[in-house]
Amino acid sequence: MDALYTAVATATHGREGRAVSSDGRIDLALAMPVELGGNGQGTNPEQLFAAGYAACFGSALGLVGRQAKVDVSEAAVTAEVGIGKQGEGFGLKVTLRVELPDSVDEATGRKLVETAHQVCPYSNATRGNIDVDLVIE
């Protein structure tokens, strides 16, 4: 694959440090969430992954909607990223909650969401590695 764009970010001190993008647009304090024993005084990798996945999936949904001539411009995607023990290490799971406009019927909506799941780079990267549940609301 030839990259059309490459994002660059550096994190220091792991989950208790800082994440900064090469262009300076992201400059965030990182902290373990309270649920994992941290103080919760910063963002965490799961939140960043959820935000990226939700935005990317929304763009993929917009693309397949335009191709199918279905207006999904008012759709909203919420990504829930969970982390937990998996074997000797940790694993992730994702639920994508897609809220479609009322004008999109259930069958069409399901087809668009499933097609977006085939197009989205995050979905392609996680396929076979992370359980991803699609929920249409």
C-alpha atoms as a PDB file:
ATOM      1  CA  MET A   1       0.000   0.000   0.000  1.00  0.00           C
ATOM      2  CA  ASP A   2       1.229   3.486  -0.810  1.00  0.00           C
ATOM      3  CA  ALA A   3       0.236   5.810   2.024  1.00  0.00           C
ATOM      4  CA  LEU A   4      -1.710   8.893   0.969  1.00  0.00           C
ATOM      5  CA  TYR A   5      -1.096  10.446   4.380  1.00  0.00           C
ATOM      6  CA  THR A   6       0.951   9.460   7.426  1.00  0.00           C
ATOM      7  CA  ALA A   7       0.073  10.693  10.905  1.00  0.00           C
ATOM      8  CA  VAL A   8       2.926  10.887  13.399  1.00  0.00           C
ATOM      9  CA  ALA A   9       2.550  11.071  17.172  1.00  0.00           C
ATOM     10  CA  THR A  10       4.911  10.414  20.057  1.00  0.00           C
ATOM     11  CA  ALA A  11       3.934   9.205  23.516  1.00  0.00           C
ATOM     12  CA  THR A  12       6.250   9.431  26.488  1.00  0.00           C
ATOM     13  CA  HIS A  13       5.952   7.631  29.833  1.00  0.00           C
ATOM     14  CA  GLY A  14       3.242   5.251  28.606  1.00  0.00           C
ATOM     15  CA  ARG A  15      -0.227   5.642  30.069  1.00  0.00           C
ATOM     16  CA  GLU A  16       0.950   8.227  32.611  1.00  0.00           C
ATOM     17  CA  GLY A  17       2.688  10.570  30.187  1.00  0.00           C
ATOM     18  CA  ARG A  18       1.928  12.778  27.247  1.00  0.00           C
ATOM     19  CA  ALA A  19       0.960  12.265  23.601  1.00  0.00           C
ATOM     20  CA  VAL A  20       1.943  14.855  21.014  1.00  0.00           C
ATOM     21  CA  SER A  21       1.383  14.846  17.259  1.00  0.00           C
ATOM     22  CA  SER A  22       4.160  15.985  14.941  1.00  0.00           C
ATOM     23  CA  ASP A  23       2.132  19.050  13.895  1.00  0.00           C
ATOM     24  CA  GLY A  24       1.303  19.974  17.510  1.00  0.00           C
ATOM     25  CA  ARG A  25      -2.472  19.764  17.001  1.00  0.00           C
ATOM     26  CA  ILE A  26      -2.635  16.997  19.595  1.00  0.00           C
ATOM     27  CA  ASP A  27      -0.858  17.611  22.873  1.00  0.00           C
ATOM     28  CA  LEU A  28      -2.537  15.613  25.610  1.00  0.00           C
ATOM     29  CA  ALA A  29      -1.802  14.499  29.128  1.00  0.00           C
ATOM     30  CA  LEU A  30      -2.295  10.748  29.454  1.00  0.00           C
ATOM     31  CA  ALA A  31      -3.565   8.994  32.568  1.00  0.00           C
ATOM     32  CA  MET A  32      -4.845   5.595  33.534  1.00  0.00           C
ATOM     33  CA  PRO A  33      -8.624   5.587  33.944  1.00  0.00           C
ATOM     34  CA  VAL A  34      -9.928   5.267  37.491  1.00  0.00           C
ATOM     35  CA  GLU A  35     -11.345   1.831  36.572  1.00  0.00           C
ATOM     36  CA  LEU A  36      -7.787   0.600  35.965  1.00  0.00           C
ATOM     37  CA  GLY A  37      -6.383   2.110  39.130  1.00  0.00           C
ATOM     38  CA  GLY A  38      -5.336   5.498  37.788  1.00  0.00           C
ATOM     39  CA  ASN A  39      -6.349   9.000  38.728  1.00  0.00           C
ATOM     40  CA  GLY A  40      -8.270   9.625  35.486  1.00  0.00           C
ATOM     41  CA  GLN A  41      -6.726  13.089  35.140  1.00  0.00           C
ATOM     42  CA  GLY A  42      -5.955  12.712  31.444  1.00  0.00           C
ATOM     43  CA  THR A  43      -7.093  10.883  28.373  1.00  0.00           C
ATOM     44  CA  ASN A  44      -6.146   7.290  27.667  1.00  0.00           C
ATOM     45  CA  PRO A  45      -5.343   5.218  24.575  1.00  0.00           C
ATOM     46  CA  GLU A  46      -8.789   3.614  24.524  1.00  0.00           C
ATOM     47  CA  GLN A  47     -10.472   7.034  24.319  1.00  0.00           C
ATOM     48  CA  LEU A  48      -8.154   8.069  21.498  1.00  0.00           C
ATOM     49  CA  PHE A  49      -8.798   4.807  19.645  1.00  0.00           C
ATOM     50  CA  ALA A  50     -12.566   5.210  20.147  1.00  0.00           C
ATOM     51  CA  ALA A  51     -12.517   8.763  18.784  1.00  0.00           C
ATOM     52  CA  GLY A  52     -10.441   7.767  15.763  1.00  0.00           C
ATOM     53  CA  TYR A  53     -12.528   4.688  14.996  1.00  0.00           C
ATOM     54  CA  ALA A  54     -15.836   6.572  15.337  1.00  0.00           C
ATOM     55  CA  ALA A  55     -14.656   9.362  13.019  1.00  0.00           C
ATOM     56  CA  CYS A  56     -13.185   6.993  10.461  1.00  0.00           C
ATOM     57  CA  PHE A  57     -16.258   4.741  10.443  1.00  0.00           C
ATOM     58  CA  GLY A  58     -18.475   7.809  10.032  1.00  0.00           C
ATOM     59  CA  SER A  59     -16.467   8.838   6.979  1.00  0.00           C
ATOM     60  CA  ALA A  60     -16.704   5.327   5.518  1.00  0.00           C
ATOM     61  CA  LEU A  61     -20.466   5.365   6.110  1.00  0.00           C
ATOM     62  CA  GLY A  62     -20.704   8.725   4.345  1.00  0.00           C
ATOM     63  CA  LEU A  63     -18.773   7.344   1.369  1.00  0.00           C
ATOM     64  CA  VAL A  64     -20.946   4.256   0.961  1.00  0.00           C
ATOM     65  CA  GLY A  65     -24.060   6.368   1.520  1.00  0.00           C
ATOM     66  CA  ARG A  66     -23.070   8.732  -1.291  1.00  0.00           C
ATOM     67  CA  GLN A  67     -22.300   5.766  -3.559  1.00  0.00           C
ATOM     68  CA  ALA A  68     -25.747   4.306  -2.806  1.00  0.00           C
ATOM     69  CA  LYS A  69     -27.368   7.760  -3.143  1.00  0.00           C
ATOM     70  CA  VAL A  70     -28.642   7.588   0.456  1.00  0.00           C
ATOM     71  CA  ASP A  71     -28.243  10.668   2.648  1.00  0.00           C
ATOM     72  CA  VAL A  72     -26.535   9.622   5.883  1.00  0.00           C
ATOM     73  CA  SER A  73     -24.939  13.013   6.508  1.00  0.00           C
ATOM     74  CA  GLU A  74     -26.743  13.293   9.860  1.00  0.00           C
ATOM     75  CA  ALA A  75     -25.597   9.860  11.086  1.00  0.00           C
ATOM     76  CA  ALA A  76     -23.648   9.615  14.333  1.00  0.00           C
ATOM     77  CA  VAL A  77     -21.166   6.892  15.248  1.00  0.00           C
ATOM     78  CA  THR A  78     -20.241   6.122  18.844  1.00  0.00           C
ATOM     79  CA  ALA A  79     -17.336   3.749  19.430  1.00  0.00           C
ATOM     80  CA  GLU A  80     -17.076   1.955  22.753  1.00  0.00           C
ATOM     81  CA  VAL A  81     -13.601   0.491  23.282  1.00  0.00           C
ATOM     82  CA  GLY A  82     -13.168  -1.927  26.152  1.00  0.00           C
ATOM     83  CA  ILE A  83      -9.901  -3.280  27.509  1.00  0.00           C
ATOM     84  CA  GLY A  84      -9.496  -6.405  29.582  1.00  0.00           C
ATOM     85  CA  LYS A  85      -7.333  -9.370  30.367  1.00  0.00           C
ATOM     86  CA  GLN A  86      -6.751 -11.736  27.455  1.00  0.00           C
ATOM     87  CA  GLY A  87      -4.517 -14.673  28.153  1.00  0.00           C
ATOM     88  CA  GLU A  88      -1.280 -13.412  29.673  1.00  0.00           C
ATOM     89  CA  GLY A  89      -1.808  -9.880  28.338  1.00  0.00           C
ATOM     90  CA  PHE A  90      -4.617  -7.546  27.489  1.00  0.00           C
ATOM     91  CA  GLY A  91      -7.064  -7.299  24.619  1.00  0.00           C
ATOM     92  CA  LEU A  92      -9.600  -4.870  23.231  1.00  0.00           C
ATOM     93  CA  LYS A  93     -13.212  -5.148  22.150  1.00  0.00           C
ATOM     94  CA  VAL A  94     -15.250  -2.586  20.241  1.00  0.00           C
ATOM     95  CA  THR A  95     -18.921  -1.803  19.879  1.00  0.00           C
ATOM     96  CA  LEU A  96     -19.842   0.634  17.118  1.00  0.00           C
ATOM     97  CA  ARG A  97     -23.232   2.235  17.714  1.00  0.00           C
ATOM     98  CA  VAL A  98     -24.514   3.828  14.515  1.00  0.00           C
ATOM     99  CA  GLU A  99     -27.440   6.213  14.735  1.00  0.00           C
ATOM    100  CA  LEU A 100     -28.907   6.649  11.275  1.00  0.00           C
ATOM    101  CA  PRO A 101     -31.362   9.328  10.137  1.00  0.00           C
ATOM    102  CA  ASP A 102     -35.038   8.342  10.431  1.00  0.00           C
ATOM    103  CA  SER A 103     -35.321   8.573   6.645  1.00  0.00           C
ATOM    104  CA  VAL A 104     -33.125   5.460   6.222  1.00  0.00           C
ATOM    105  CA  ASP A 105     -35.083   2.200   6.447  1.00  0.00           C
ATOM    106  CA  GLU A 106     -33.731  -0.693   8.520  1.00  0.00           C
ATOM    107  CA  ALA A 107     -32.637  -2.938   5.629  1.00  0.00           C
ATOM    108  CA  THR A 108     -30.875  -0.125   3.787  1.00  0.00           C
ATOM    109  CA  GLY A 109     -29.234   1.038   6.999  1.00  0.00           C
ATOM    110  CA  ARG A 110     -27.965  -2.441   7.822  1.00  0.00           C
ATOM    111  CA  LYS A 111     -26.497  -2.821   4.328  1.00  0.00           C
ATOM    112  CA  LEU A 112     -24.793   0.577   4.482  1.00  0.00           C
ATOM    113  CA  VAL A 113     -23.298  -0.118   7.923  1.00  0.00           C
ATOM    114  CA  GLU A 114     -22.040  -3.551   6.882  1.00  0.00           C
ATOM    115  CA  THR A 115     -20.529  -2.098   3.703  1.00  0.00           C
ATOM    116  CA  ALA A 116     -18.879   0.710   5.683  1.00  0.00           C
ATOM    117  CA  HIS A 117     -17.394  -1.981   7.931  1.00  0.00           C
ATOM    118  CA  GLN A 118     -15.709  -3.460   4.833  1.00  0.00           C
ATOM    119  CA  VAL A 119     -14.415  -0.047   3.686  1.00  0.00           C
ATOM    120  CA  CYS A 120     -13.272   1.554   6.953  1.00  0.00           C
ATOM    121  CA  PRO A 121      -9.484   1.326   7.505  1.00  0.00           C
ATOM    122  CA  TYR A 122      -9.955   0.850  11.260  1.00  0.00           C
ATOM    123  CA  SER A 123     -12.356  -2.041  10.621  1.00  0.00           C
ATOM    124  CA  ASN A 124      -9.900  -3.567   8.174  1.00  0.00           C
ATOM    125  CA  ALA A 125      -7.040  -3.192  10.661  1.00  0.00           C
ATOM    126  CA  THR A 126      -8.969  -4.785  13.516  1.00  0.00           C
ATOM    127  CA  ARG A 127     -10.692  -7.559  11.551  1.00  0.00           C
ATOM    128  CA  GLY A 128      -9.676 -10.920  12.971  1.00  0.00           C
ATOM    129  CA  ASN A 129      -7.828  -9.266  15.868  1.00  0.00           C
ATOM    130  CA  ILE A 130     -10.536  -7.488  17.867  1.00  0.00           C
ATOM    131  CA  ASP A 131     -14.192  -8.373  18.288  1.00  0.00           C
ATOM    132  CA  VAL A 132     -16.243  -5.558  16.735  1.00  0.00           C
ATOM    133  CA  ASP A 133     -20.015  -5.481  17.259  1.00  0.00           C
ATOM    134  CA  LEU A 134     -22.145  -3.325  14.977  1.00  0.00           C
ATOM    135  CA  VAL A 135     -25.291  -1.895  16.560  1.00  0.00           C
ATOM    136  CA  ILE A 136     -27.730   0.198  14.550  1.00  0.00           C
ATOM    137  CA  GLU A 137     -29.853   2.543  16.619  1.00  0.00           C
END
